[in-house]
PDB file of all heavy atoms in Angstrom:
ATOM      1  N   ASP A   1      11.852  85.981 -21.013  1.00  0.00           N
ATOM      2  CA  ASP A   1      10.502  85.765 -21.543  1.00  0.00           C
ATOM      3  C   ASP A   1      10.081  84.374 -21.050  1.00  0.00           C
ATOM      4  O   ASP A   1      10.715  83.367 -21.405  1.00  0.00           O
ATOM      5  CB  ASP A   1      10.570  85.837 -23.068  1.00  0.00           C
ATOM      6  CG  ASP A   1       9.214  85.960 -23.724  1.00  0.00           C
ATOM      7  OD1 ASP A   1       8.191  85.784 -23.045  1.00  0.00           O
ATOM      8  OD2 ASP A   1       9.180  86.230 -24.953  1.00  0.00           O
ATOM      9  N   VAL A   2       9.034  84.316 -20.234  1.00  0.00           N
ATOM     10  CA  VAL A   2       8.706  83.087 -19.508  1.00  0.00           C
ATOM     11  C   VAL A   2       7.233  82.727 -19.692  1.00  0.00           C
ATOM     12  O   VAL A   2       6.359  83.596 -19.597  1.00  0.00           O
ATOM     13  CB  VAL A   2       9.021  83.239 -18.000  1.00  0.00           C
ATOM     14  CG1 VAL A   2       8.609  81.994 -17.225  1.00  0.00           C
ATOM     15  CG2 VAL A   2      10.512  83.518 -17.794  1.00  0.00           C
ATOM     16  N   LEU A   3       6.961  81.448 -19.957  1.00  0.00           N
ATOM     17  CA  LEU A   3       5.591  80.917 -19.962  1.00  0.00           C
ATOM     18  C   LEU A   3       5.338  80.195 -18.655  1.00  0.00           C
ATOM     19  O   LEU A   3       6.133  79.339 -18.248  1.00  0.00           O
ATOM     20  CB  LEU A   3       5.384  79.963 -21.135  1.00  0.00           C
ATOM     21  CG  LEU A   3       5.473  80.556 -22.547  1.00  0.00           C
ATOM     22  CD1 LEU A   3       5.245  79.465 -23.588  1.00  0.00           C
ATOM     23  CD2 LEU A   3       4.473  81.689 -22.736  1.00  0.00           C
ATOM     24  N   VAL A   4       4.228  80.531 -17.982  1.00  0.00           N
ATOM     25  CA  VAL A   4       3.871  79.908 -16.710  1.00  0.00           C
ATOM     26  C   VAL A   4       2.475  79.325 -16.836  1.00  0.00           C
ATOM     27  O   VAL A   4       1.538  80.001 -17.272  1.00  0.00           O
ATOM     28  CB  VAL A   4       3.905  80.927 -15.551  1.00  0.00           C
ATOM     29  CG1 VAL A   4       3.638  80.220 -14.225  1.00  0.00           C
ATOM     30  CG2 VAL A   4       5.234  81.646 -15.505  1.00  0.00           C
ATOM     31  N   ASP A   5       2.328  78.078 -16.432  1.00  0.00           N
ATOM     32  CA  ASP A   5       1.047  77.367 -16.526  1.00  0.00           C
ATOM     33  C   ASP A   5       0.393  77.315 -15.137  1.00  0.00           C
ATOM     34  O   ASP A   5       0.877  76.634 -14.230  1.00  0.00           O
ATOM     35  CB  ASP A   5       1.276  75.949 -17.056  1.00  0.00           C
ATOM     36  CG  ASP A   5      -0.035  75.213 -17.327  1.00  0.00           C
ATOM     37  OD1 ASP A   5      -1.112  75.786 -17.067  1.00  0.00           O
ATOM     38  OD2 ASP A   5       0.028  74.066 -17.802  1.00  0.00           O
ATOM     39  N   PHE A   6      -0.716  78.044 -14.991  1.00  0.00           N
ATOM     40  CA  PHE A   6      -1.449  78.068 -13.716  1.00  0.00           C
ATOM     41  C   PHE A   6      -2.633  77.102 -13.707  1.00  0.00           C
ATOM     42  O   PHE A   6      -3.439  77.115 -12.771  1.00  0.00           O
ATOM     43  CB  PHE A   6      -1.974  79.487 -13.445  1.00  0.00           C
ATOM     44  CG  PHE A   6      -0.903  80.518 -13.238  1.00  0.00           C
ATOM     45  CD1 PHE A   6      -0.618  81.446 -14.232  1.00  0.00           C
ATOM     46  CD2 PHE A   6      -0.180  80.577 -12.058  1.00  0.00           C
ATOM     47  CE1 PHE A   6       0.364  82.403 -14.049  1.00  0.00           C
ATOM     48  CE2 PHE A   6       0.809  81.523 -11.862  1.00  0.00           C
ATOM     49  CZ  PHE A   6       1.081  82.453 -12.866  1.00  0.00           C
ATOM     50  N   SER A   7      -2.760  76.260 -14.721  1.00  0.00           N
ATOM     51  CA  SER A   7      -3.959  75.422 -14.847  1.00  0.00           C
ATOM     52  C   SER A   7      -4.096  74.415 -13.712  1.00  0.00           C
ATOM     53  O   SER A   7      -5.217  74.000 -13.384  1.00  0.00           O
ATOM     54  CB  SER A   7      -3.951  74.695 -16.198  1.00  0.00           C
ATOM     55  OG  SER A   7      -2.829  73.820 -16.298  1.00  0.00           O
ATOM     56  N   GLN A   8      -2.970  74.007 -13.107  1.00  0.00           N
ATOM     57  CA  GLN A   8      -3.038  73.035 -12.015  1.00  0.00           C
ATOM     58  C   GLN A   8      -3.158  73.707 -10.648  1.00  0.00           C
ATOM     59  O   GLN A   8      -3.131  73.023  -9.621  1.00  0.00           O
ATOM     60  CB  GLN A   8      -1.785  72.151 -12.038  1.00  0.00           C
ATOM     61  CG  GLN A   8      -1.601  71.365 -13.326  1.00  0.00           C
ATOM     62  CD  GLN A   8      -2.809  70.493 -13.642  1.00  0.00           C
ATOM     63  OE1 GLN A   8      -3.264  69.709 -12.791  1.00  0.00           O
ATOM     64  NE2 GLN A   8      -3.350  70.616 -14.848  1.00  0.00           N
ATOM     65  N   ALA A   9      -3.289  75.028 -10.651  1.00  0.00           N
ATOM     66  CA  ALA A   9      -3.385  75.763  -9.378  1.00  0.00           C
ATOM     67  C   ALA A   9      -4.708  76.501  -9.271  1.00  0.00           C
ATOM     68  O   ALA A   9      -4.812  77.500  -8.553  1.00  0.00           O
ATOM     69  CB  ALA A   9      -2.221  76.731  -9.251  1.00  0.00           C
ATOM     70  N   ALA A  10      -5.743  76.030  -9.962  1.00  0.00           N
ATOM     71  CA  ALA A  10      -7.044  76.712  -9.951  1.00  0.00           C
ATOM     72  C   ALA A  10      -7.561  76.874  -8.530  1.00  0.00           C
ATOM     73  O   ALA A  10      -7.527  75.931  -7.729  1.00  0.00           O
ATOM     74  CB  ALA A  10      -8.051  75.925 -10.797  1.00  0.00           C
ATOM     75  N   GLY A  11      -8.002  78.079  -8.206  1.00  0.00           N
ATOM     76  CA  GLY A  11      -8.547  78.355  -6.888  1.00  0.00           C
ATOM     77  C   GLY A  11      -7.514  78.533  -5.795  1.00  0.00           C
ATOM     78  O   GLY A  11      -7.867  78.661  -4.621  1.00  0.00           O
ATOM     79  N   LYS A  12      -6.244  78.592  -6.156  1.00  0.00           N
ATOM     80  CA  LYS A  12      -5.172  78.691  -5.156  1.00  0.00           C
ATOM     81  C   LYS A  12      -4.380  79.991  -5.369  1.00  0.00           C
ATOM     82  O   LYS A  12      -4.618  80.737  -6.307  1.00  0.00           O
ATOM     83  CB  LYS A  12      -4.235  77.485  -5.260  1.00  0.00           C
ATOM     84  CG  LYS A  12      -4.917  76.139  -5.061  1.00  0.00           C
ATOM     85  CD  LYS A  12      -3.930  74.990  -5.260  1.00  0.00           C
ATOM     86  CE  LYS A  12      -4.606  73.636  -5.099  1.00  0.00           C
ATOM     87  NZ  LYS A  12      -3.638  72.510  -5.331  1.00  0.00           N
ATOM     88  N   THR A  13      -3.446  80.206  -4.465  1.00  0.00           N
ATOM     89  CA  THR A  13      -2.487  81.295  -4.655  1.00  0.00           C
ATOM     90  C   THR A  13      -1.118  80.680  -4.934  1.00  0.00           C
ATOM     91  O   THR A  13      -0.753  79.648  -4.353  1.00  0.00           O
ATOM     92  CB  THR A  13      -2.403  82.208  -3.421  1.00  0.00           C
ATOM     93  OG1 THR A  13      -2.025  81.423  -2.283  1.00  0.00           O
ATOM     94  CG2 THR A  13      -3.732  82.890  -3.155  1.00  0.00           C
ATOM     95  N   VAL A  14      -0.381  81.333  -5.820  1.00  0.00           N
ATOM     96  CA  VAL A  14       0.960  80.889  -6.211  1.00  0.00           C
ATOM     97  C   VAL A  14       1.893  82.082  -6.034  1.00  0.00           C
ATOM     98  O   VAL A  14       1.526  83.220  -6.336  1.00  0.00           O
ATOM     99  CB  VAL A  14       0.981  80.415  -7.676  1.00  0.00           C
ATOM    100  CG1 VAL A  14       2.408  80.125  -8.127  1.00  0.00           C
ATOM    101  CG2 VAL A  14       0.106  79.185  -7.848  1.00  0.00           C
ATOM    102  N   HIS A  15       3.094  81.823  -5.545  1.00  0.00           N
ATOM    103  CA  HIS A  15       4.027  82.913  -5.289  1.00  0.00           C
ATOM    104  C   HIS A  15       5.270  82.801  -6.167  1.00  0.00           C
ATOM    105  O   HIS A  15       5.816  81.712  -6.349  1.00  0.00           O
ATOM    106  CB  HIS A  15       4.443  82.940  -3.815  1.00  0.00           C
ATOM    107  CG  HIS A  15       3.315  83.324  -2.902  1.00  0.00           C
ATOM    108  ND1 HIS A  15       2.601  82.392  -2.179  1.00  0.00           N
ATOM    109  CD2 HIS A  15       2.768  84.539  -2.613  1.00  0.00           C
ATOM    110  CE1 HIS A  15       1.663  83.014  -1.484  1.00  0.00           C
ATOM    111  NE2 HIS A  15       1.741  84.309  -1.727  1.00  0.00           N
ATOM    112  N   LEU A  16       5.674  83.942  -6.673  1.00  0.00           N
ATOM    113  CA  LEU A  16       6.992  84.082  -7.290  1.00  0.00           C
ATOM    114  C   LEU A  16       7.942  84.527  -6.192  1.00  0.00           C
ATOM    115  O   LEU A  16       7.652  85.486  -5.459  1.00  0.00           O
ATOM    116  CB  LEU A  16       6.958  85.117  -8.417  1.00  0.00           C
ATOM    117  CG  LEU A  16       8.297  85.415  -9.104  1.00  0.00           C
ATOM    118  CD1 LEU A  16       8.793  84.207  -9.883  1.00  0.00           C
ATOM    119  CD2 LEU A  16       8.160  86.626 -10.023  1.00  0.00           C
ATOM    120  N   LYS A  17       9.064  83.836  -6.063  1.00  0.00           N
ATOM    121  CA  LYS A  17      10.009  84.117  -4.985  1.00  0.00           C
ATOM    122  C   LYS A  17      11.311  84.675  -5.546  1.00  0.00           C
ATOM    123  O   LYS A  17      11.752  84.274  -6.628  1.00  0.00           O
ATOM    124  CB  LYS A  17      10.296  82.843  -4.184  1.00  0.00           C
ATOM    125  CG  LYS A  17       9.078  82.245  -3.493  1.00  0.00           C
ATOM    126  CD  LYS A  17       9.456  81.098  -2.566  1.00  0.00           C
ATOM    127  CE  LYS A  17      10.009  79.912  -3.336  1.00  0.00           C
ATOM    128  NZ  LYS A  17      10.325  78.765  -2.448  1.00  0.00           N
ATOM    129  N   ASN A  18      11.896  85.584  -4.791  1.00  0.00           N
ATOM    130  CA  ASN A  18      13.284  85.989  -5.021  1.00  0.00           C
ATOM    131  C   ASN A  18      14.092  85.280  -3.949  1.00  0.00           C
ATOM    132  O   ASN A  18      14.101  85.710  -2.791  1.00  0.00           O
ATOM    133  CB  ASN A  18      13.445  87.502  -4.924  1.00  0.00           C
ATOM    134  CG  ASN A  18      14.888  87.929  -5.085  1.00  0.00           C
ATOM    135  OD1 ASN A  18      15.592  87.425  -5.964  1.00  0.00           O
ATOM    136  ND2 ASN A  18      15.360  88.824  -4.242  1.00  0.00           N
ATOM    137  N   ALA A  19      14.745  84.185  -4.322  1.00  0.00           N
ATOM    138  CA  ALA A  19      15.362  83.268  -3.358  1.00  0.00           C
ATOM    139  C   ALA A  19      14.281  82.835  -2.369  1.00  0.00           C
ATOM    140  O   ALA A  19      13.300  82.238  -2.774  1.00  0.00           O
ATOM    141  CB  ALA A  19      16.570  83.899  -2.698  1.00  0.00           C
ATOM    142  N   ALA A  20      14.416  83.181  -1.070  1.00  0.00           N
ATOM    143  CA  ALA A  20      13.456  82.706  -0.075  1.00  0.00           C
ATOM    144  C   ALA A  20      12.269  83.649   0.104  1.00  0.00           C
ATOM    145  O   ALA A  20      11.297  83.285   0.771  1.00  0.00           O
ATOM    146  CB  ALA A  20      14.156  82.521   1.270  1.00  0.00           C
ATOM    147  N   LEU A  21      12.323  84.838  -0.459  1.00  0.00           N
ATOM    148  CA  LEU A  21      11.303  85.845  -0.195  1.00  0.00           C
ATOM    149  C   LEU A  21      10.238  85.843  -1.281  1.00  0.00           C
ATOM    150  O   LEU A  21      10.534  85.974  -2.467  1.00  0.00           O
ATOM    151  CB  LEU A  21      11.955  87.237  -0.120  1.00  0.00           C
ATOM    152  CG  LEU A  21      11.014  88.406   0.171  1.00  0.00           C
ATOM    153  CD1 LEU A  21      10.475  88.314   1.594  1.00  0.00           C
ATOM    154  CD2 LEU A  21      11.715  89.742  -0.054  1.00  0.00           C
ATOM    155  N   GLU A  22       8.982  85.720  -0.867  1.00  0.00           N
ATOM    156  CA  GLU A  22       7.864  85.807  -1.809  1.00  0.00           C
ATOM    157  C   GLU A  22       7.658  87.264  -2.205  1.00  0.00           C
ATOM    158  O   GLU A  22       7.441  88.128  -1.345  1.00  0.00           O
ATOM    159  CB  GLU A  22       6.592  85.238  -1.168  1.00  0.00           C
ATOM    160  CG  GLU A  22       6.699  83.746  -0.849  1.00  0.00           C
ATOM    161  CD  GLU A  22       5.518  83.219  -0.060  1.00  0.00           C
ATOM    162  OE1 GLU A  22       4.777  84.061   0.516  1.00  0.00           O
ATOM    163  OE2 GLU A  22       5.323  81.995  -0.008  1.00  0.00           O
ATOM    164  N   VAL A  23       7.731  87.545  -3.503  1.00  0.00           N
ATOM    165  CA  VAL A  23       7.678  88.942  -3.942  1.00  0.00           C
ATOM    166  C   VAL A  23       6.453  89.268  -4.791  1.00  0.00           C
ATOM    167  O   VAL A  23       6.117  90.436  -4.970  1.00  0.00           O
ATOM    168  CB  VAL A  23       8.959  89.328  -4.712  1.00  0.00           C
ATOM    169  CG1 VAL A  23      10.169  89.293  -3.782  1.00  0.00           C
ATOM    170  CG2 VAL A  23       9.176  88.441  -5.933  1.00  0.00           C
ATOM    171  N   LEU A  24       5.779  88.250  -5.321  1.00  0.00           N
ATOM    172  CA  LEU A  24       4.592  88.483  -6.139  1.00  0.00           C
ATOM    173  C   LEU A  24       3.618  87.338  -5.925  1.00  0.00           C
ATOM    174  O   LEU A  24       4.006  86.169  -5.993  1.00  0.00           O
ATOM    175  CB  LEU A  24       4.967  88.589  -7.621  1.00  0.00           C
ATOM    176  CG  LEU A  24       3.823  88.758  -8.628  1.00  0.00           C
ATOM    177  CD1 LEU A  24       3.026  90.025  -8.347  1.00  0.00           C
ATOM    178  CD2 LEU A  24       4.359  88.771 -10.063  1.00  0.00           C
ATOM    179  N   GLU A  25       2.360  87.683  -5.652  1.00  0.00           N
ATOM    180  CA  GLU A  25       1.332  86.671  -5.419  1.00  0.00           C
ATOM    181  C   GLU A  25       0.383  86.607  -6.607  1.00  0.00           C
ATOM    182  O   GLU A  25      -0.198  87.627  -7.010  1.00  0.00           O
ATOM    183  CB  GLU A  25       0.550  87.003  -4.149  1.00  0.00           C
ATOM    184  CG  GLU A  25      -0.531  85.979  -3.811  1.00  0.00           C
ATOM    185  CD  GLU A  25      -1.192  86.251  -2.476  1.00  0.00           C
ATOM    186  OE1 GLU A  25      -0.677  85.724  -1.464  1.00  0.00           O
ATOM    187  OE2 GLU A  25      -2.182  87.009  -2.441  1.00  0.00           O
ATOM    188  N   PHE A  26       0.227  85.415  -7.173  1.00  0.00           N
ATOM    189  CA  PHE A  26      -0.748  85.158  -8.224  1.00  0.00           C
ATOM    190  C   PHE A  26      -1.984  84.530  -7.592  1.00  0.00           C
ATOM    191  O   PHE A  26      -1.894  83.455  -6.982  1.00  0.00           O
ATOM    192  CB  PHE A  26      -0.166  84.215  -9.281  1.00  0.00           C
ATOM    193  CG  PHE A  26       0.997  84.785 -10.038  1.00  0.00           C
ATOM    194  CD1 PHE A  26       2.302  84.619  -9.580  1.00  0.00           C
ATOM    195  CD2 PHE A  26       0.796  85.485 -11.220  1.00  0.00           C
ATOM    196  CE1 PHE A  26       3.379  85.139 -10.281  1.00  0.00           C
ATOM    197  CE2 PHE A  26       1.879  86.000 -11.931  1.00  0.00           C
ATOM    198  CZ  PHE A  26       3.168  85.836 -11.458  1.00  0.00           C
ATOM    199  N   ARG A  27      -3.122  85.179  -7.715  1.00  0.00           N
ATOM    200  CA  ARG A  27      -4.380  84.645  -7.194  1.00  0.00           C
ATOM    201  C   ARG A  27      -5.118  84.006  -8.365  1.00  0.00           C
ATOM    202  O   ARG A  27      -5.687  84.697  -9.214  1.00  0.00           O
ATOM    203  CB  ARG A  27      -5.201  85.759  -6.542  1.00  0.00           C
ATOM    204  CG  ARG A  27      -4.470  86.388  -5.360  1.00  0.00           C
ATOM    205  CD  ARG A  27      -5.226  87.545  -4.739  1.00  0.00           C
ATOM    206  NE  ARG A  27      -4.458  88.120  -3.634  1.00  0.00           N
ATOM    207  CZ  ARG A  27      -4.835  89.196  -2.934  1.00  0.00           C
ATOM    208  NH1 ARG A  27      -5.974  89.819  -3.246  1.00  0.00           N
ATOM    209  NH2 ARG A  27      -4.076  89.641  -1.949  1.00  0.00           N
ATOM    210  N   VAL A  28      -5.102  82.677  -8.383  1.00  0.00           N
ATOM    211  CA  VAL A  28      -5.606  81.928  -9.524  1.00  0.00           C
ATOM    212  C   VAL A  28      -7.103  81.706  -9.359  1.00  0.00           C
ATOM    213  O   VAL A  28      -7.559  81.218  -8.304  1.00  0.00           O
ATOM    214  CB  VAL A  28      -4.868  80.592  -9.678  1.00  0.00           C
ATOM    215  CG1 VAL A  28      -5.279  79.914 -10.985  1.00  0.00           C
ATOM    216  CG2 VAL A  28      -3.348  80.799  -9.654  1.00  0.00           C
ATOM    217  N   ALA A  29      -7.876  82.047 -10.364  1.00  0.00           N
ATOM    218  CA  ALA A  29      -9.323  81.870 -10.320  1.00  0.00           C
ATOM    219  C   ALA A  29      -9.682  80.388 -10.311  1.00  0.00           C
ATOM    220  O   ALA A  29      -8.847  79.519 -10.608  1.00  0.00           O
ATOM    221  CB  ALA A  29      -9.957  82.572 -11.518  1.00  0.00           C
ATOM    222  N   ALA A  30     -10.928  80.115  -9.989  1.00  0.00           N
ATOM    223  CA  ALA A  30     -11.409  78.730  -9.980  1.00  0.00           C
ATOM    224  C   ALA A  30     -11.424  78.168 -11.388  1.00  0.00           C
ATOM    225  O   ALA A  30     -11.409  78.901 -12.381  1.00  0.00           O
ATOM    226  CB  ALA A  30     -12.807  78.676  -9.362  1.00  0.00           C
ATOM    227  N   ALA A  31     -11.442  76.852 -11.465  1.00  0.00           N
ATOM    228  CA  ALA A  31     -11.458  76.173 -12.758  1.00  0.00           C
ATOM    229  C   ALA A  31     -12.671  76.596 -13.566  1.00  0.00           C
ATOM    230  O   ALA A  31     -13.767  76.802 -13.031  1.00  0.00           O
ATOM    231  CB  ALA A  31     -11.441  74.667 -12.557  1.00  0.00           C
ATOM    232  N   ASN A  32     -12.459  76.732 -14.879  1.00  0.00           N
ATOM    233  CA  ASN A  32     -13.523  77.181 -15.773  1.00  0.00           C
ATOM    234  C   ASN A  32     -13.362  76.444 -17.087  1.00  0.00           C
ATOM    235  O   ASN A  32     -12.301  76.503 -17.716  1.00  0.00           O
ATOM    236  CB  ASN A  32     -13.428  78.695 -15.970  1.00  0.00           C
ATOM    237  CG  ASN A  32     -14.592  79.262 -16.758  1.00  0.00           C
ATOM    238  OD1 ASN A  32     -15.215  78.581 -17.561  1.00  0.00           O
ATOM    239  ND2 ASN A  32     -14.888  80.535 -16.510  1.00  0.00           N
ATOM    240  N   ALA A  33     -14.417  75.777 -17.502  1.00  0.00           N
ATOM    241  CA  ALA A  33     -14.336  74.956 -18.716  1.00  0.00           C
ATOM    242  C   ALA A  33     -14.079  75.796 -19.954  1.00  0.00           C
ATOM    243  O   ALA A  33     -13.605  75.288 -20.983  1.00  0.00           O
ATOM    244  CB  ALA A  33     -15.622  74.158 -18.885  1.00  0.00           C
ATOM    245  N   SER A  34     -14.394  77.093 -19.887  1.00  0.00           N
ATOM    246  CA  SER A  34     -14.217  77.932 -21.068  1.00  0.00           C
ATOM    247  C   SER A  34     -12.790  78.446 -21.244  1.00  0.00           C
ATOM    248  O   SER A  34     -12.482  79.074 -22.246  1.00  0.00           O
ATOM    249  CB  SER A  34     -15.170  79.137 -21.000  1.00  0.00           C
ATOM    250  OG  SER A  34     -14.841  79.972 -19.903  1.00  0.00           O
ATOM    251  N   VAL A  35     -11.929  78.184 -20.254  1.00  0.00           N
ATOM    252  CA  VAL A  35     -10.555  78.663 -20.342  1.00  0.00           C
ATOM    253  C   VAL A  35      -9.824  77.928 -21.468  1.00  0.00           C
ATOM    254  O   VAL A  35      -9.849  76.701 -21.547  1.00  0.00           O
ATOM    255  CB  VAL A  35      -9.813  78.468 -19.000  1.00  0.00           C
ATOM    256  CG1 VAL A  35      -8.330  78.790 -19.156  1.00  0.00           C
ATOM    257  CG2 VAL A  35     -10.420  79.374 -17.932  1.00  0.00           C
ATOM    258  N   ARG A  36      -9.178  78.688 -22.332  1.00  0.00           N
ATOM    259  CA  ARG A  36      -8.494  78.118 -23.497  1.00  0.00           C
ATOM    260  C   ARG A  36      -7.208  77.421 -23.066  1.00  0.00           C
ATOM    261  O   ARG A  36      -6.407  77.975 -22.326  1.00  0.00           O
ATOM    262  CB  ARG A  36      -8.182  79.232 -24.497  1.00  0.00           C
ATOM    263  CG  ARG A  36      -7.368  78.789 -25.699  1.00  0.00           C
ATOM    264  CD  ARG A  36      -7.213  79.956 -26.664  1.00  0.00           C
ATOM    265  NE  ARG A  36      -6.307  79.615 -27.761  1.00  0.00           N
ATOM    266  CZ  ARG A  36      -5.031  79.943 -27.799  1.00  0.00           C
ATOM    267  NH1 ARG A  36      -4.491  80.605 -26.793  1.00  0.00           N
ATOM    268  NH2 ARG A  36      -4.273  79.613 -28.832  1.00  0.00           N
ATOM    269  N   SER A  37      -7.024  76.199 -23.527  1.00  0.00           N
ATOM    270  CA  SER A  37      -5.789  75.472 -23.229  1.00  0.00           C
ATOM    271  C   SER A  37      -4.694  75.926 -24.189  1.00  0.00           C
ATOM    272  O   SER A  37      -4.967  76.432 -25.284  1.00  0.00           O
ATOM    273  CB  SER A  37      -6.006  73.962 -23.358  1.00  0.00           C
ATOM    274  OG  SER A  37      -6.383  73.630 -24.685  1.00  0.00           O
ATOM    275  N   PHE A  38      -3.466  75.758 -23.755  1.00  0.00           N
ATOM    276  CA  PHE A  38      -2.321  76.160 -24.570  1.00  0.00           C
ATOM    277  C   PHE A  38      -1.192  75.190 -24.322  1.00  0.00           C
ATOM    278  O   PHE A  38      -0.832  74.908 -23.173  1.00  0.00           O
ATOM    279  CB  PHE A  38      -1.887  77.589 -24.217  1.00  0.00           C
ATOM    280  CG  PHE A  38      -0.654  78.039 -24.943  1.00  0.00           C
ATOM    281  CD1 PHE A  38      -0.727  78.554 -26.223  1.00  0.00           C
ATOM    282  CD2 PHE A  38       0.603  77.938 -24.349  1.00  0.00           C
ATOM    283  CE1 PHE A  38       0.410  78.966 -26.899  1.00  0.00           C
ATOM    284  CE2 PHE A  38       1.746  78.344 -25.016  1.00  0.00           C
ATOM    285  CZ  PHE A  38       1.648  78.858 -26.294  1.00  0.00           C
ATOM    286  N   ALA A  39      -0.641  74.660 -25.397  1.00  0.00           N
ATOM    287  CA  ALA A  39       0.499  73.754 -25.302  1.00  0.00           C
ATOM    288  C   ALA A  39       1.777  74.528 -25.584  1.00  0.00           C
ATOM    289  O   ALA A  39       1.877  75.240 -26.596  1.00  0.00           O
ATOM    290  CB  ALA A  39       0.345  72.605 -26.291  1.00  0.00           C
TER     291      ALA A  39
END
């Protein structure tokens, strides 16, 4: 069970890797002031 914070990757792509191989691409939307923050 994992929490991942994409707030610093707005407008970018982020990859989950299995060792060296990228297996899942997260396409992060642009920054939006209405996005709820979470600690």
